[in-house]
Amino acid sequence: MSYNTIKKFFQIYSPWKHRVFENIQIRLVLYLLLLYILSPPHWIYCRSTGEVTSTPEPNITHTINTTEKPTHGLSRFILDMYEALNRNSRHPIDPENIFYSRFVGPEEMKLVHLADNVRSLYPQKPNNVEDIAQLENQLSFHFDIKSIPSRERVHFGELRIWKSAAKDPEFLSLLTNRDISGQCLTLVLSATLLRGNNLGRERTFFVGRLRLKPNDLITPEYLSFHSSKLTSLLSRWQISQTLELKLEVSSHCHNQATLTQLGIIEIEATPLLLVYNVIEGNDGYNDIPQDVAREIVRRSVESSSNRNSDPTETPPWLQGTSSSASTSCQRYSNQINFDAIGWGDWVIFPPSFDAYYCHGNCHYPIPSHYNSTNHALIQSLIHIDNPHRAPPVCCSPTEYDDLFIVYNEDDDSSTLEIKRYKNMIALSCGCR
């Protein structure tokens, strides 16, 4: 509901405002009531059942401060996926307590955990806008797929496009009378590789088909095209220049069916090409680029002289090694701010995270809850017998969690990405 609507309401009832609305609390309650009644519902599309409900979606801004850094206007899917990943941060996913959001269901959650990153590609403005506008039964979108690095193997590709509710009563009535089994209207997706300025084209490939029943037209939802063919084409062409995806409506019982009648309006139907990638050779070790690591060290050296640390505060690892002066092996907080380490220019979310670290003594006998290895137990015994033969066992992380970040590789790019950094957060500590 707009501000002008509320203002008009109070202007209409201005003769009563001195009697009815003298109490500011009453006015506030009525305002909230109007807001609830006149606001449209948030639609959630359940891909597994195809049902559409009017359950309000979780408000992602409650947990993500979108005012800190600019984000692309079409990045809601990526931010929604990031929110779902944050709520399901532990591995393996508990099927009883898993959280699904507006755009992220069981299929998406499974895919993102099998991939190392998810790229969201938005279409470029096509060169032949005038020609496309004249074709009411098809839309073409151009995607820059050369931005996918060659070391990333395409694991899965999916095109999502928004469909509003169809509003033409005559068109809906005609379909309802003629089409019951969903054989009347079909959306067909095809793909063509473009080379240069549309000077060279490879042959067009059929990607997928989606049948629409009359009931599907009256509800707003995201349409999803995913097939092994689309994944195969993306994998084969990823180092090429431009991929053209063409969406066309095919009608067997209505000669004048258009995309607009179906609720697919060009200005609102900006599609999203999701590419789930696996990075070759990524085993989770030393995944931070060396140039980024050197920048972190440089910043640390430059800022060390300016730190106002409390001289009375001694870090746990400098508090002595005797059993009376130190604690047993345990986990400590270790807040990492991306701006402080030089990642703030490209990392959008999260602005910071707690990596934790492990510190403390590992005295024999080592408690069973530390899940120590047999090697650690033997080494501990040898150290007690002869400290010169072996050092004491160390307090170190025994279990890690992954960190998902939302970032933009290029300042001029409209592509947001989610990347998984493995083994970034220490979950538990033990003596090893």
Protein backbone atom coordinates (compact mmCIF):
# COMPACT_ATOMS: atom_id res chain seq x y z
CA MET A 1 0.00 0.00 0.00
CA SER A 2 1.38 3.39 -0.97
CA TYR A 3 1.75 6.45 1.22
CA ASN A 4 -0.76 8.35 -0.98
CA THR A 5 -3.44 5.71 -0.29
CA ILE A 6 -3.08 6.15 3.46
CA LYS A 7 -3.02 9.94 3.12
CA LYS A 8 -6.21 9.88 1.06
CA PHE A 9 -7.90 7.71 3.68
CA PHE A 10 -7.22 10.21 6.44
CA GLN A 11 -8.29 13.12 4.22
CA ILE A 12 -11.67 11.46 3.61
CA TYR A 13 -12.26 11.05 7.32
CA SER A 14 -10.76 14.39 8.32
CA PRO A 15 -14.08 15.68 9.84
CA TRP A 16 -13.85 12.84 12.39
CA LYS A 17 -10.17 13.01 13.10
CA HIS A 18 -10.52 15.26 16.15
CA ARG A 19 -13.06 12.92 17.75
CA VAL A 20 -11.98 9.44 16.63
CA PHE A 21 -8.26 9.77 16.22
CA GLU A 22 -7.40 11.90 19.21
CA ASN A 23 -5.59 8.97 20.71
CA ILE A 24 -2.35 8.36 18.78
CA GLN A 25 -2.42 4.68 19.71
CA ILE A 26 -5.78 4.19 17.98
CA ARG A 27 -4.47 5.85 14.84
CA LEU A 28 -1.46 3.57 14.84
CA VAL A 29 -3.59 0.43 15.19
CA LEU A 30 -5.86 1.50 12.33
CA TYR A 31 -2.85 2.26 10.16
CA LEU A 32 -1.41 -1.21 10.72
CA LEU A 33 -4.82 -2.78 10.05
CA LEU A 34 -5.09 -0.96 6.72
CA LEU A 35 -1.57 -2.00 5.83
CA TYR A 36 -2.39 -5.66 6.47
CA ILE A 37 -5.68 -5.59 4.53
CA LEU A 38 -4.48 -3.73 1.45
CA SER A 39 -1.02 -5.26 1.07
CA PRO A 40 -0.78 -8.07 -1.53
CA PRO A 41 0.26 -11.54 -0.36
CA HIS A 42 3.73 -12.92 -0.98
CA TRP A 43 3.41 -15.94 -3.22
CA ILE A 44 5.47 -19.03 -2.64
CA TYR A 45 5.79 -21.59 -5.39
CA CYS A 46 6.34 -25.17 -4.25
CA ARG A 47 8.24 -26.87 -7.08
CA SER A 48 7.72 -30.36 -5.70
CA THR A 49 3.93 -30.17 -5.75
CA GLY A 50 3.27 -27.30 -8.15
CA GLU A 51 1.00 -25.71 -5.56
CA VAL A 52 0.85 -22.02 -4.90
CA THR A 53 0.08 -20.72 -1.44
CA SER A 54 -0.23 -17.25 0.02
CA THR A 55 2.02 -17.93 2.99
CA PRO A 56 4.20 -14.87 3.67
CA GLU A 57 7.81 -15.41 2.73
CA PRO A 58 10.51 -14.99 5.38
CA ASN A 59 11.79 -11.42 5.28
CA ILE A 60 15.44 -11.78 4.41
CA THR A 61 16.24 -8.23 5.50
CA HIS A 62 15.68 -9.28 9.10
CA THR A 63 18.91 -11.26 9.00
CA ILE A 64 20.82 -9.57 6.16
CA ASN A 65 21.58 -5.88 6.30
CA THR A 66 21.08 -4.97 2.64
CA THR A 67 21.85 -1.28 3.31
CA GLU A 68 25.53 -1.89 4.07
CA LYS A 69 26.56 -2.70 0.51
CA PRO A 70 24.84 -2.24 -2.84
CA THR A 71 23.39 -5.34 -4.42
CA HIS A 72 21.97 -5.94 -7.86
CA GLY A 73 18.23 -5.38 -8.12
CA LEU A 74 17.67 -8.83 -9.57
CA SER A 75 19.68 -10.76 -6.98
CA ARG A 76 16.83 -11.80 -4.71
CA PHE A 77 17.24 -15.47 -5.58
CA ILE A 78 20.92 -15.51 -4.59
CA LEU A 79 20.23 -13.66 -1.35
CA ASP A 80 17.37 -16.02 -0.59
CA MET A 81 19.64 -19.00 -1.22
CA TYR A 82 22.30 -17.47 1.04
CA GLU A 83 19.75 -17.08 3.82
CA ALA A 84 18.70 -20.73 3.49
CA LEU A 85 22.33 -21.88 3.57
CA ASN A 86 22.96 -19.84 6.71
CA ARG A 87 20.06 -21.47 8.50
CA ASN A 88 21.17 -24.94 7.42
CA SER A 89 24.86 -24.43 8.08
CA ARG A 90 25.63 -27.77 9.69
CA HIS A 91 26.59 -30.83 7.63
CA PRO A 92 25.01 -33.22 6.93
CA ILE A 93 21.65 -31.50 6.58
CA ASP A 94 19.13 -32.67 9.13
CA PRO A 95 16.04 -33.61 7.07
CA GLU A 96 13.80 -33.05 10.09
CA ASN A 97 14.88 -29.46 10.74
CA ILE A 98 15.88 -28.21 7.31
CA PHE A 99 14.76 -24.70 6.37
CA TYR A 100 13.39 -23.94 2.90
CA SER A 101 12.76 -20.43 1.64
CA ARG A 102 10.74 -18.83 -1.12
CA PHE A 103 13.01 -19.85 -3.99
CA VAL A 104 15.09 -22.60 -2.38
CA GLY A 105 13.55 -26.04 -2.00
CA PRO A 106 14.94 -29.57 -1.56
CA GLU A 107 16.33 -29.74 -5.12
CA GLU A 108 18.19 -26.43 -4.86
CA MET A 109 19.57 -27.27 -1.42
CA LYS A 110 20.92 -30.58 -2.68
CA LEU A 111 22.48 -28.97 -5.76
CA VAL A 112 24.21 -26.16 -3.90
CA HIS A 113 25.84 -28.61 -1.49
CA LEU A 114 27.18 -30.63 -4.41
CA ALA A 115 28.64 -27.53 -6.09
CA ASP A 116 31.54 -25.27 -5.14
CA ASN A 117 29.84 -22.13 -6.36
CA VAL A 118 26.60 -20.92 -7.92
CA ARG A 119 26.70 -18.23 -10.61
CA SER A 120 23.60 -16.19 -11.38
CA LEU A 121 23.78 -14.80 -14.90
CA TYR A 122 21.45 -12.06 -16.07
CA PRO A 123 20.81 -11.39 -19.76
CA GLN A 124 22.52 -8.71 -21.78
CA LYS A 125 20.42 -6.27 -23.77
CA PRO A 126 19.95 -7.92 -27.17
CA ASN A 127 21.00 -6.14 -30.34
CA ASN A 128 17.66 -6.71 -32.02
CA VAL A 129 15.25 -5.33 -29.43
CA GLU A 130 12.94 -3.86 -32.07
CA ASP A 131 12.61 -7.19 -33.90
CA ILE A 132 11.93 -9.11 -30.69
CA ALA A 133 9.26 -6.67 -29.56
CA GLN A 134 7.25 -7.39 -32.71
CA LEU A 135 7.09 -11.14 -31.97
CA GLU A 136 4.40 -11.55 -29.35
CA ASN A 137 4.83 -15.31 -29.05
CA GLN A 138 8.59 -15.39 -28.30
CA LEU A 139 11.36 -13.73 -26.31
CA SER A 140 15.11 -14.01 -26.77
CA PHE A 141 17.74 -13.49 -24.08
CA HIS A 142 21.52 -13.27 -24.47
CA PHE A 143 23.84 -14.50 -21.70
CA ASP A 144 27.57 -13.87 -21.48
CA ILE A 145 28.82 -17.38 -20.67
CA LYS A 146 32.51 -16.68 -21.26
CA SER A 147 32.55 -15.33 -17.69
CA ILE A 148 32.51 -18.94 -16.44
CA PRO A 149 36.20 -19.86 -15.89
CA SER A 150 37.53 -22.94 -17.65
CA ARG A 151 38.60 -24.54 -14.34
CA GLU A 152 34.96 -24.63 -13.26
CA ARG A 153 33.04 -27.65 -14.50
CA VAL A 154 29.33 -27.04 -15.07
CA HIS A 155 27.45 -29.45 -12.83
CA PHE A 156 23.90 -28.19 -13.47
CA GLY A 157 22.19 -25.42 -15.41
CA GLU A 158 18.74 -23.95 -14.92
CA LEU A 159 16.74 -21.06 -16.39
CA ARG A 160 14.15 -19.34 -14.20
CA ILE A 161 11.65 -16.83 -15.50
CA TRP A 162 8.83 -15.03 -13.72
CA LYS A 163 5.23 -15.52 -14.82
CA SER A 164 2.54 -13.19 -13.48
CA ALA A 165 -1.09 -14.23 -13.18
CA ALA A 166 -2.95 -14.17 -16.50
CA LYS A 167 -5.69 -11.52 -16.40
CA ASP A 168 -7.52 -11.78 -19.74
CA PRO A 169 -10.91 -13.32 -18.76
CA GLU A 170 -11.90 -14.14 -22.35
CA PHE A 171 -8.60 -15.92 -22.95
CA LEU A 172 -8.85 -17.88 -19.68
CA SER A 173 -12.46 -18.84 -20.37
CA LEU A 174 -11.59 -20.10 -23.83
CA LEU A 175 -8.74 -22.22 -22.50
CA THR A 176 -10.85 -23.67 -19.68
CA ASN A 177 -13.51 -24.77 -22.14
CA ARG A 178 -11.07 -26.32 -24.61
CA ASP A 179 -8.17 -27.58 -22.53
CA ILE A 180 -8.52 -29.84 -19.51
CA SER A 181 -5.50 -32.15 -19.77
CA GLY A 182 -2.90 -29.42 -20.31
CA GLN A 183 -2.15 -30.22 -23.96
CA CYS A 184 -3.11 -26.84 -25.37
CA LEU A 185 -0.34 -24.42 -24.38
CA THR A 186 3.34 -25.29 -24.39
CA LEU A 187 6.42 -23.19 -23.70
CA VAL A 188 9.43 -24.28 -25.73
CA LEU A 189 13.01 -23.29 -24.86
CA SER A 190 15.82 -23.45 -27.44
CA ALA A 191 19.50 -22.46 -27.33
CA THR A 192 21.86 -21.01 -29.93
CA LEU A 193 25.54 -20.11 -29.65
CA LEU A 194 26.37 -16.64 -30.99
CA ARG A 195 29.86 -15.73 -32.13
CA GLY A 196 31.00 -12.11 -32.43
CA ASN A 197 28.29 -9.55 -33.17
CA ASN A 198 25.74 -12.17 -34.22
CA LEU A 199 27.88 -12.78 -37.31
CA GLY A 200 28.26 -16.46 -36.69
CA ARG A 201 25.65 -18.86 -35.36
CA GLU A 202 25.76 -22.52 -34.63
CA ARG A 203 22.63 -24.55 -35.14
CA THR A 204 19.80 -24.18 -32.65
CA PHE A 205 19.26 -26.91 -30.07
CA PHE A 206 16.03 -27.86 -28.36
CA VAL A 207 16.41 -27.49 -24.59
CA GLY A 208 13.08 -28.23 -22.96
CA ARG A 209 9.30 -28.06 -23.05
CA LEU A 210 6.84 -26.99 -20.34
CA ARG A 211 3.10 -27.64 -20.62
CA LEU A 212 0.73 -25.16 -18.98
CA LYS A 213 -2.72 -26.09 -17.73
CA PRO A 214 -5.42 -23.42 -17.29
CA ASN A 215 -5.03 -23.54 -13.51
CA ASP A 216 -1.32 -22.78 -13.90
CA LEU A 217 -2.12 -19.45 -15.55
CA ILE A 218 -4.05 -17.87 -12.70
CA THR A 219 -1.21 -17.95 -10.18
CA PRO A 220 2.10 -16.04 -10.22
CA GLU A 221 5.14 -18.29 -10.04
CA TYR A 222 8.66 -18.90 -11.25
CA LEU A 223 8.88 -21.22 -14.22
CA SER A 224 11.95 -23.44 -14.20
CA PHE A 225 13.63 -24.99 -17.23
CA HIS A 226 16.30 -27.52 -16.40
CA SER A 227 17.42 -30.51 -18.41
CA SER A 228 20.51 -32.51 -19.15
CA LYS A 229 20.60 -30.80 -22.56
CA LEU A 230 20.95 -27.30 -21.06
CA THR A 231 23.69 -28.52 -18.71
CA SER A 232 25.48 -30.20 -21.61
CA LEU A 233 25.34 -27.08 -23.79
CA LEU A 234 26.63 -24.84 -21.00
CA SER A 235 29.48 -27.24 -20.34
CA ARG A 236 30.38 -27.41 -24.04
CA TRP A 237 30.10 -23.69 -24.72
CA GLN A 238 31.24 -22.11 -21.44
CA ILE A 239 34.44 -20.61 -22.90
CA SER A 240 32.47 -19.18 -25.85
CA GLN A 241 31.02 -15.70 -26.07
CA THR A 242 27.23 -15.49 -25.96
CA LEU A 243 24.41 -17.96 -25.43
CA GLU A 244 20.99 -17.08 -26.83
CA LEU A 245 18.01 -18.69 -25.11
CA LYS A 246 14.70 -18.32 -26.93
CA LEU A 247 11.35 -18.85 -25.20
CA GLU A 248 8.39 -19.46 -27.49
CA VAL A 249 4.74 -20.23 -26.81
CA SER A 250 3.12 -22.93 -28.91
CA SER A 251 -0.67 -23.12 -28.96
CA HIS A 252 -2.67 -26.03 -30.35
CA CYS A 253 -6.13 -24.64 -29.62
CA HIS A 254 -5.70 -20.88 -29.59
CA ASN A 255 -4.22 -19.19 -32.64
CA GLN A 256 -3.56 -15.86 -30.94
CA ALA A 257 -1.94 -16.99 -27.68
CA THR A 258 0.88 -14.61 -26.70
CA LEU A 259 3.41 -14.54 -23.90
CA THR A 260 1.70 -11.48 -22.47
CA GLN A 261 -1.60 -13.36 -22.21
CA LEU A 262 0.24 -16.09 -20.28
CA GLY A 263 1.57 -13.51 -17.81
CA ILE A 264 5.13 -13.47 -19.19
CA ILE A 265 5.67 -9.75 -19.72
CA GLU A 266 9.07 -8.77 -21.13
CA ILE A 267 9.67 -5.91 -18.69
CA GLU A 268 8.91 -8.15 -15.67
CA ALA A 269 10.12 -11.50 -16.95
CA THR A 270 13.86 -10.90 -16.72
CA PRO A 271 15.19 -14.44 -16.55
CA LEU A 272 17.91 -15.80 -14.33
CA LEU A 273 20.38 -18.39 -15.61
CA LEU A 274 21.71 -20.36 -12.65
CA VAL A 275 24.93 -22.30 -13.18
CA TYR A 276 26.07 -24.70 -10.45
CA ASN A 277 29.81 -25.34 -10.87
CA VAL A 278 32.40 -27.70 -9.43
CA ILE A 279 35.95 -26.34 -9.26
CA GLU A 280 38.44 -28.88 -10.59
CA GLY A 281 41.00 -29.95 -8.01
CA ASN A 282 39.22 -28.21 -5.15
CA ASP A 283 39.79 -30.43 -2.12
CA GLY A 284 39.16 -27.71 0.45
CA TYR A 285 42.85 -27.15 1.24
CA ASN A 286 44.61 -23.83 0.63
CA ASP A 287 41.71 -22.48 -1.42
CA ILE A 288 42.46 -18.82 -0.60
CA PRO A 289 44.35 -17.20 -3.52
CA GLN A 290 48.01 -16.39 -2.76
CA ASP A 291 47.67 -12.74 -3.77
CA VAL A 292 44.77 -12.36 -1.32
CA ALA A 293 46.82 -14.05 1.42
CA ARG A 294 49.77 -11.70 0.82
CA GLU A 295 47.43 -8.69 1.02
CA ILE A 296 46.14 -9.89 4.40
CA VAL A 297 49.71 -10.20 5.74
CA ARG A 298 50.63 -6.74 4.38
CA ARG A 299 47.63 -5.08 6.02
CA SER A 300 48.38 -6.87 9.28
CA VAL A 301 51.99 -5.59 9.35
CA GLU A 302 50.95 -2.02 8.48
CA SER A 303 48.27 -1.87 11.16
CA SER A 304 50.22 -3.61 13.94
CA SER A 305 51.81 -0.35 15.10
CA ASN A 306 48.43 1.37 15.28
CA ARG A 307 46.63 -1.20 17.39
CA ASN A 308 45.44 0.01 20.77
CA SER A 309 45.56 -3.32 22.55
CA ASP A 310 45.16 -3.48 26.30
CA PRO A 311 48.62 -4.26 27.78
CA THR A 312 46.95 -5.99 30.73
CA GLU A 313 45.19 -8.40 28.36
CA THR A 314 47.23 -11.47 27.49
CA PRO A 315 46.09 -13.86 24.74
CA PRO A 316 45.35 -17.40 25.93
CA TRP A 317 48.37 -18.83 24.09
CA LEU A 318 50.74 -16.47 26.01
CA GLN A 319 49.39 -17.12 29.46
CA GLY A 320 51.94 -19.80 30.35
CA THR A 321 52.19 -23.51 29.78
CA SER A 322 51.87 -24.85 33.31
CA SER A 323 48.71 -26.70 34.20
CA SER A 324 47.85 -24.16 36.86
CA ALA A 325 48.25 -21.17 34.54
CA SER A 326 46.37 -22.46 31.50
CA THR A 327 43.11 -24.17 30.68
CA SER A 328 42.36 -27.41 28.94
CA CYS A 329 41.93 -27.59 25.16
CA GLN A 330 38.88 -25.59 24.11
CA ARG A 331 37.44 -23.35 21.42
CA TYR A 332 37.74 -19.54 21.45
CA SER A 333 35.97 -16.88 19.40
CA ASN A 334 37.90 -15.38 16.47
CA GLN A 335 35.85 -12.73 14.67
CA ILE A 336 36.98 -12.04 11.10
CA ASN A 337 35.93 -8.79 9.45
CA PHE A 338 36.23 -8.86 5.66
CA ASP A 339 36.94 -5.13 5.45
CA ALA A 340 39.86 -5.55 7.84
CA ILE A 341 41.51 -8.28 5.77
CA GLY A 342 40.98 -6.64 2.39
CA TRP A 343 38.03 -8.70 1.15
CA GLY A 344 35.43 -6.02 1.79
CA ASP A 345 35.63 -4.64 -1.76
CA TRP A 346 34.19 -7.79 -3.31
CA VAL A 347 32.48 -9.76 -0.53
CA ILE A 348 28.85 -8.66 -0.15
CA PHE A 349 27.64 -11.09 2.52
CA PRO A 350 28.48 -11.80 5.25
CA PRO A 351 30.38 -8.67 6.37
CA SER A 352 32.08 -10.78 9.06
CA PHE A 353 32.07 -14.27 10.56
CA ASP A 354 33.48 -16.19 13.53
CA ALA A 355 36.21 -18.59 12.43
CA TYR A 356 37.07 -19.68 16.02
CA TYR A 357 40.39 -21.20 17.04
CA CYS A 358 41.51 -23.97 19.41
CA HIS A 359 43.93 -23.56 22.29
CA GLY A 360 44.76 -25.20 25.60
CA ASN A 361 46.65 -28.03 27.23
CA CYS A 362 46.25 -31.69 26.38
CA HIS A 363 47.24 -33.43 29.62
CA TYR A 364 47.29 -37.18 29.95
CA PRO A 365 44.90 -38.89 30.36
CA ILE A 366 43.17 -37.16 27.50
CA PRO A 367 39.39 -36.96 28.11
CA SER A 368 37.30 -39.16 25.82
CA HIS A 369 35.15 -36.27 24.57
CA TYR A 370 38.20 -34.86 22.76
CA ASN A 371 37.94 -37.76 20.28
CA SER A 372 41.71 -38.11 20.19
CA THR A 373 43.36 -40.54 17.82
CA ASN A 374 45.38 -43.57 18.94
CA HIS A 375 48.46 -41.79 17.59
CA ALA A 376 47.80 -38.83 19.92
CA LEU A 377 47.41 -41.13 22.92
CA ILE A 378 50.70 -42.93 22.20
CA GLN A 379 52.53 -39.64 21.59
CA SER A 380 51.19 -38.27 24.88
CA LEU A 381 52.51 -41.34 26.76
CA ILE A 382 55.92 -41.07 25.11
CA HIS A 383 56.14 -37.37 26.00
CA ILE A 384 55.39 -38.14 29.64
CA ASP A 385 58.08 -40.83 29.69
CA ASN A 386 60.67 -38.77 27.87
CA PRO A 387 59.88 -35.17 26.81
CA HIS A 388 62.93 -35.16 24.54
CA ARG A 389 61.60 -37.98 22.36
CA ALA A 390 58.29 -36.39 21.34
CA PRO A 391 56.49 -33.06 21.85
CA PRO A 392 53.14 -32.90 23.63
CA VAL A 393 50.03 -33.40 21.53
CA CYS A 394 48.42 -30.22 20.24
CA CYS A 395 44.98 -28.70 20.70
CA SER A 396 43.55 -28.30 17.20
CA PRO A 397 40.22 -28.31 15.33
CA THR A 398 38.70 -31.74 14.83
CA GLU A 399 35.59 -30.69 12.91
CA TYR A 400 35.03 -27.87 10.45
CA ASP A 401 32.14 -26.15 8.75
CA ASP A 402 32.02 -24.43 5.36
CA LEU A 403 31.56 -20.72 4.84
CA PHE A 404 29.28 -19.48 2.04
CA ILE A 405 29.89 -15.97 0.76
CA VAL A 406 28.00 -13.81 -1.73
CA TYR A 407 30.35 -11.81 -3.89
CA ASN A 408 30.79 -10.01 -7.19
CA GLU A 409 34.00 -10.65 -9.13
CA ASP A 410 33.67 -7.56 -11.31
CA ASP A 411 32.48 -4.12 -10.21
CA ASP A 412 30.81 -3.61 -13.59
CA SER A 413 29.14 -7.02 -13.60
CA SER A 414 25.51 -7.65 -12.73
CA THR A 415 26.32 -11.22 -11.78
CA LEU A 416 26.19 -12.26 -8.15
CA GLU A 417 27.75 -15.51 -7.05
CA ILE A 418 27.73 -17.80 -4.05
CA LYS A 419 30.97 -19.59 -3.29
CA ARG A 420 31.62 -22.26 -0.69
CA TYR A 421 34.92 -22.06 1.16
CA LYS A 422 35.49 -25.43 2.76
CA ASN A 423 36.87 -25.91 6.28
CA MET A 424 36.68 -22.22 7.23
CA ILE A 425 34.99 -22.47 10.64
CA ALA A 426 36.25 -24.59 13.54
CA LEU A 427 33.29 -26.38 15.11
CA SER A 428 35.04 -28.48 17.76
CA CYS A 429 38.50 -28.95 19.28
CA GLY A 430 40.51 -31.96 20.35
CA CYS A 431 44.00 -33.21 21.15
CA ARG A 432 45.80 -34.49 18.09
